[in-house]
């Protein structure tokens, strides 16, 4: 095998390992979203329902702010997280029907 072929083989193996790592991370995060678990910046995790409302709002804002930087898989995860977080906020602060608002 020539040096070029060896280099090509190493590159393909590296690419396959990177893709495997990305897939594993995606599946791990998908599971966390389904369980309603958010991983904080420091690496600790918390149930979304146990987060205070401000923390949820800040997390949503951070994901929206960074959306242009995300790849396709990360974008999918963040959209799913935002959906779960927004539903949690709606439980805490249900929308008010204007017909019942007092002026």
N, C-alpha and C. Protein backbone atom coordinates (compact mmCIF):
# COMPACT_ATOMS: atom_id res chain seq x y z
N UNK A 1 0.86 -1.17 0.00
CA UNK A 1 0.00 0.00 0.00
C UNK A 1 0.90 1.24 0.00
N UNK A 2 0.59 2.19 -0.86
CA UNK A 2 1.40 3.41 -0.95
C UNK A 2 1.06 4.36 0.20
N UNK A 3 1.93 5.36 0.37
CA UNK A 3 1.72 6.34 1.42
C UNK A 3 0.40 7.08 1.22
N UNK A 4 0.09 7.42 -0.03
CA UNK A 4 -1.17 8.11 -0.33
C UNK A 4 -2.39 7.27 0.02
N UNK A 5 -2.31 5.97 -0.26
CA UNK A 5 -3.42 5.07 0.07
C UNK A 5 -3.58 4.93 1.59
N UNK A 6 -2.45 4.86 2.30
CA UNK A 6 -2.50 4.78 3.76
C UNK A 6 -3.12 6.04 4.35
N UNK A 7 -2.71 7.19 3.81
CA UNK A 7 -3.25 8.46 4.28
C UNK A 7 -4.76 8.54 4.02
N UNK A 8 -5.17 8.11 2.83
CA UNK A 8 -6.58 8.10 2.46
C UNK A 8 -7.37 7.19 3.39
N UNK A 9 -6.83 6.01 3.70
CA UNK A 9 -7.50 5.06 4.58
C UNK A 9 -7.63 5.65 6.00
N UNK A 10 -6.58 6.29 6.48
CA UNK A 10 -6.64 6.92 7.80
C UNK A 10 -7.70 8.01 7.84
N UNK A 11 -7.78 8.80 6.76
CA UNK A 11 -8.76 9.86 6.69
C UNK A 11 -10.19 9.29 6.71
N UNK A 12 -10.43 8.22 5.97
CA UNK A 12 -11.76 7.61 5.95
C UNK A 12 -12.13 7.04 7.31
N UNK A 13 -11.17 6.41 7.97
CA UNK A 13 -11.42 5.85 9.31
C UNK A 13 -11.73 6.98 10.28
N UNK A 14 -10.96 8.05 10.23
CA UNK A 14 -11.18 9.20 11.11
C UNK A 14 -12.57 9.80 10.89
N UNK A 15 -12.94 9.93 9.63
CA UNK A 15 -14.26 10.48 9.29
C UNK A 15 -15.38 9.57 9.81
N UNK A 16 -15.21 8.27 9.68
CA UNK A 16 -16.22 7.32 10.16
C UNK A 16 -16.34 7.40 11.68
N UNK A 17 -15.21 7.52 12.37
CA UNK A 17 -15.23 7.63 13.83
C UNK A 17 -15.89 8.93 14.27
N UNK A 18 -15.61 10.02 13.56
CA UNK A 18 -16.24 11.30 13.87
C UNK A 18 -17.75 11.20 13.70
N UNK A 19 -18.19 10.58 12.63
CA UNK A 19 -19.63 10.44 12.37
C UNK A 19 -20.28 9.57 13.44
N UNK A 20 -19.58 8.53 13.86
CA UNK A 20 -20.10 7.66 14.92
C UNK A 20 -20.25 8.43 16.23
N UNK A 21 -19.25 9.26 16.54
CA UNK A 21 -19.29 10.07 17.77
C UNK A 21 -20.46 11.06 17.71
N UNK A 22 -20.64 11.69 16.56
CA UNK A 22 -21.74 12.65 16.38
C UNK A 22 -23.08 11.95 16.54
N UNK A 23 -23.22 10.78 15.95
CA UNK A 23 -24.47 10.02 16.05
C UNK A 23 -24.75 9.61 17.49
N UNK A 24 -23.72 9.16 18.20
CA UNK A 24 -23.90 8.78 19.61
C UNK A 24 -24.33 9.98 20.44
N UNK A 25 -23.72 11.14 20.21
CA UNK A 25 -24.06 12.35 20.95
C UNK A 25 -25.50 12.76 20.65
N UNK A 26 -25.89 12.67 19.38
CA UNK A 26 -27.26 13.01 18.99
C UNK A 26 -28.26 12.11 19.70
N UNK A 27 -27.99 10.80 19.71
CA UNK A 27 -28.90 9.86 20.36
C UNK A 27 -28.97 10.11 21.87
N UNK A 28 -27.84 10.41 22.46
CA UNK A 28 -27.82 10.72 23.90
C UNK A 28 -28.66 11.96 24.19
N UNK A 29 -28.46 13.02 23.40
CA UNK A 29 -29.23 14.24 23.62
C UNK A 29 -30.71 14.04 23.32
N UNK A 30 -31.02 13.25 22.32
CA UNK A 30 -32.43 12.95 22.02
C UNK A 30 -33.11 12.31 23.23
N UNK A 31 -32.40 11.37 23.84
CA UNK A 31 -32.94 10.72 25.03
C UNK A 31 -33.15 11.70 26.17
N UNK A 32 -32.20 12.63 26.34
CA UNK A 32 -32.33 13.62 27.40
C UNK A 32 -33.52 14.55 27.15
N UNK A 33 -33.71 14.94 25.90
CA UNK A 33 -34.87 15.78 25.57
C UNK A 33 -36.16 15.05 25.93
N UNK A 34 -36.25 13.79 25.53
CA UNK A 34 -37.45 12.99 25.81
C UNK A 34 -37.70 12.86 27.30
N UNK A 35 -36.64 12.79 28.09
CA UNK A 35 -36.78 12.69 29.55
C UNK A 35 -36.99 14.05 30.21
N UNK A 36 -36.86 15.12 29.43
CA UNK A 36 -37.02 16.46 29.99
C UNK A 36 -35.84 16.87 30.83
N UNK A 37 -34.65 16.47 30.42
CA UNK A 37 -33.43 16.80 31.17
C UNK A 37 -32.59 17.78 30.36
N UNK A 38 -32.18 18.86 31.01
CA UNK A 38 -31.34 19.87 30.40
C UNK A 38 -29.94 19.74 30.99
N UNK A 39 -28.92 19.81 30.13
CA UNK A 39 -27.54 19.76 30.59
C UNK A 39 -27.03 21.20 30.64
N UNK A 40 -26.66 21.63 31.83
CA UNK A 40 -26.21 23.00 32.03
C UNK A 40 -24.78 23.18 31.52
N UNK A 41 -24.38 24.41 31.40
CA UNK A 41 -23.04 24.75 30.89
C UNK A 41 -21.93 24.05 31.66
N UNK A 42 -22.11 23.87 32.97
CA UNK A 42 -21.06 23.24 33.78
C UNK A 42 -21.07 21.71 33.68
N UNK A 43 -21.99 21.17 32.87
CA UNK A 43 -22.04 19.72 32.65
C UNK A 43 -23.01 18.99 33.57
N UNK A 44 -23.55 19.68 34.55
CA UNK A 44 -24.53 19.04 35.42
C UNK A 44 -25.88 19.05 34.71
N UNK A 45 -26.75 18.15 35.12
CA UNK A 45 -28.06 18.07 34.48
C UNK A 45 -29.16 18.37 35.49
N UNK A 46 -30.28 18.84 34.95
CA UNK A 46 -31.43 19.20 35.77
C UNK A 46 -32.69 18.91 34.96
N UNK A 47 -33.73 18.46 35.65
CA UNK A 47 -35.01 18.30 34.97
C UNK A 47 -35.54 19.68 34.62
N UNK A 48 -36.05 19.82 33.42
CA UNK A 48 -36.58 21.11 32.96
C UNK A 48 -37.68 21.60 33.90
N UNK A 49 -38.50 20.69 34.38
CA UNK A 49 -39.57 21.09 35.29
C UNK A 49 -39.04 21.64 36.62
N UNK A 50 -37.78 21.35 36.96
CA UNK A 50 -37.17 21.85 38.19
C UNK A 50 -36.38 23.15 37.97
N UNK A 51 -36.24 23.57 36.72
CA UNK A 51 -35.53 24.82 36.43
C UNK A 51 -36.43 25.99 36.79
N UNK A 52 -35.82 27.10 37.23
CA UNK A 52 -36.68 28.26 37.46
C UNK A 52 -37.00 28.89 36.10
N UNK A 53 -38.06 29.66 36.07
CA UNK A 53 -38.57 30.20 34.81
C UNK A 53 -37.54 31.06 34.10
N UNK A 54 -36.77 31.83 34.85
CA UNK A 54 -35.76 32.68 34.25
C UNK A 54 -34.68 31.84 33.56
N UNK A 55 -34.29 30.75 34.19
CA UNK A 55 -33.28 29.86 33.61
C UNK A 55 -33.81 29.28 32.29
N UNK A 56 -35.07 28.89 32.27
CA UNK A 56 -35.67 28.36 31.04
C UNK A 56 -35.67 29.43 29.95
N UNK A 57 -36.09 30.64 30.30
CA UNK A 57 -36.13 31.73 29.32
C UNK A 57 -34.73 32.04 28.78
N UNK A 58 -33.74 32.05 29.67
CA UNK A 58 -32.36 32.31 29.23
C UNK A 58 -31.84 31.20 28.34
N UNK A 59 -32.20 29.96 28.64
CA UNK A 59 -31.76 28.83 27.83
C UNK A 59 -32.37 28.89 26.43
N UNK A 60 -33.64 29.23 26.36
CA UNK A 60 -34.31 29.38 25.06
C UNK A 60 -33.63 30.50 24.26
N UNK A 61 -33.38 31.62 24.92
CA UNK A 61 -32.74 32.76 24.24
C UNK A 61 -31.35 32.39 23.72
N UNK A 62 -30.60 31.65 24.52
CA UNK A 62 -29.25 31.23 24.12
C UNK A 62 -29.33 30.34 22.88
N UNK A 63 -30.26 29.38 22.88
CA UNK A 63 -30.38 28.50 21.72
C UNK A 63 -30.80 29.28 20.47
N UNK A 64 -31.72 30.23 20.61
CA UNK A 64 -32.16 31.02 19.47
C UNK A 64 -31.03 31.91 18.95
N UNK A 65 -30.26 32.47 19.87
CA UNK A 65 -29.15 33.34 19.49
C UNK A 65 -28.07 32.58 18.72
N UNK A 66 -27.83 31.34 19.11
CA UNK A 66 -26.77 30.54 18.50
C UNK A 66 -27.24 29.67 17.34
N UNK A 67 -28.51 29.73 17.00
CA UNK A 67 -29.06 28.87 15.95
C UNK A 67 -28.27 28.91 14.64
N UNK A 68 -27.78 30.07 14.18
CA UNK A 68 -27.02 30.07 12.92
C UNK A 68 -25.73 29.26 12.97
N UNK A 69 -25.25 28.95 14.16
CA UNK A 69 -23.99 28.22 14.30
C UNK A 69 -24.17 26.70 14.32
N UNK A 70 -25.42 26.24 14.44
CA UNK A 70 -25.68 24.82 14.65
C UNK A 70 -25.69 24.05 13.33
N UNK A 71 -25.21 22.79 13.41
CA UNK A 71 -25.35 21.89 12.27
C UNK A 71 -26.77 21.30 12.31
N UNK A 72 -27.09 20.51 11.33
CA UNK A 72 -28.46 19.98 11.19
C UNK A 72 -28.92 19.19 12.42
N UNK A 73 -28.05 18.33 12.95
CA UNK A 73 -28.44 17.52 14.11
C UNK A 73 -28.60 18.37 15.36
N UNK A 74 -27.68 19.29 15.57
CA UNK A 74 -27.76 20.17 16.74
C UNK A 74 -29.00 21.05 16.64
N UNK A 75 -29.30 21.51 15.46
CA UNK A 75 -30.49 22.33 15.25
C UNK A 75 -31.75 21.56 15.61
N UNK A 76 -31.81 20.29 15.23
CA UNK A 76 -32.96 19.45 15.57
C UNK A 76 -33.10 19.34 17.09
N UNK A 77 -32.01 19.08 17.77
CA UNK A 77 -32.05 18.94 19.23
C UNK A 77 -32.50 20.24 19.89
N UNK A 78 -31.92 21.37 19.45
CA UNK A 78 -32.28 22.63 20.09
C UNK A 78 -33.74 23.00 19.84
N UNK A 79 -34.24 22.70 18.66
CA UNK A 79 -35.66 22.99 18.40
C UNK A 79 -36.55 22.14 19.29
N UNK A 80 -36.17 20.89 19.50
CA UNK A 80 -36.95 20.02 20.38
C UNK A 80 -36.87 20.50 21.83
N UNK A 81 -35.68 20.91 22.26
CA UNK A 81 -35.53 21.45 23.61
C UNK A 81 -36.39 22.71 23.79
N UNK A 82 -36.36 23.60 22.82
CA UNK A 82 -37.16 24.83 22.93
C UNK A 82 -38.63 24.51 23.05
N UNK A 83 -39.09 23.53 22.29
CA UNK A 83 -40.50 23.13 22.35
C UNK A 83 -40.86 22.64 23.76
N UNK A 84 -40.03 21.79 24.33
CA UNK A 84 -40.27 21.26 25.67
C UNK A 84 -40.26 22.40 26.70
N UNK A 85 -39.29 23.30 26.56
CA UNK A 85 -39.16 24.40 27.52
C UNK A 85 -40.33 25.38 27.42
N UNK A 86 -40.76 25.66 26.20
CA UNK A 86 -41.90 26.56 26.03
C UNK A 86 -43.17 25.95 26.60
N UNK A 87 -43.35 24.65 26.45
CA UNK A 87 -44.51 23.97 27.04
C UNK A 87 -44.46 24.06 28.56
N UNK A 88 -43.27 23.94 29.13
CA UNK A 88 -43.12 24.07 30.58
C UNK A 88 -43.50 25.48 31.03
N UNK A 89 -43.06 26.48 30.29
CA UNK A 89 -43.43 27.86 30.64
C UNK A 89 -44.93 28.08 30.50
N UNK A 90 -45.56 27.47 29.50
CA UNK A 90 -47.01 27.60 29.32
C UNK A 90 -47.78 26.98 30.47
N UNK A 91 -47.22 25.90 31.06
CA UNK A 91 -47.86 25.31 32.24
C UNK A 91 -47.83 26.28 33.41
N UNK A 92 -46.73 27.01 33.52
CA UNK A 92 -46.56 27.95 34.63
C UNK A 92 -47.31 29.26 34.41
N UNK A 93 -47.35 29.68 33.17
CA UNK A 93 -47.96 30.96 32.82
C UNK A 93 -48.93 30.75 31.66
N UNK A 94 -50.08 30.13 31.95
CA UNK A 94 -51.02 29.86 30.85
C UNK A 94 -51.46 31.17 30.19
N UNK A 95 -51.67 31.12 28.87
CA UNK A 95 -52.12 32.33 28.18
C UNK A 95 -53.47 32.80 28.72
N UNK A 96 -53.63 34.09 28.76
CA UNK A 96 -54.87 34.68 29.26
C UNK A 96 -55.79 34.96 28.09
N UNK A 97 -57.01 34.51 28.19
CA UNK A 97 -58.02 34.79 27.17
C UNK A 97 -58.41 36.26 27.29
N UNK A 98 -58.24 37.05 26.21
CA UNK A 98 -58.56 38.49 26.27
C UNK A 98 -60.00 38.76 26.70
N UNK A 99 -60.89 37.82 26.46
CA UNK A 99 -62.29 38.02 26.84
C UNK A 99 -62.45 38.10 28.35
N UNK A 100 -61.48 37.54 29.09
CA UNK A 100 -61.58 37.53 30.55
C UNK A 100 -60.64 38.54 31.20
N UNK A 101 -59.91 39.31 30.38
CA UNK A 101 -58.99 40.31 30.93
C UNK A 101 -59.79 41.52 31.40
N UNK A 102 -59.40 42.02 32.54
CA UNK A 102 -60.07 43.20 33.09
C UNK A 102 -59.24 44.41 32.76
N UNK A 103 -59.85 45.41 32.20
CA UNK A 103 -59.15 46.60 31.76
C UNK A 103 -59.21 47.63 32.76
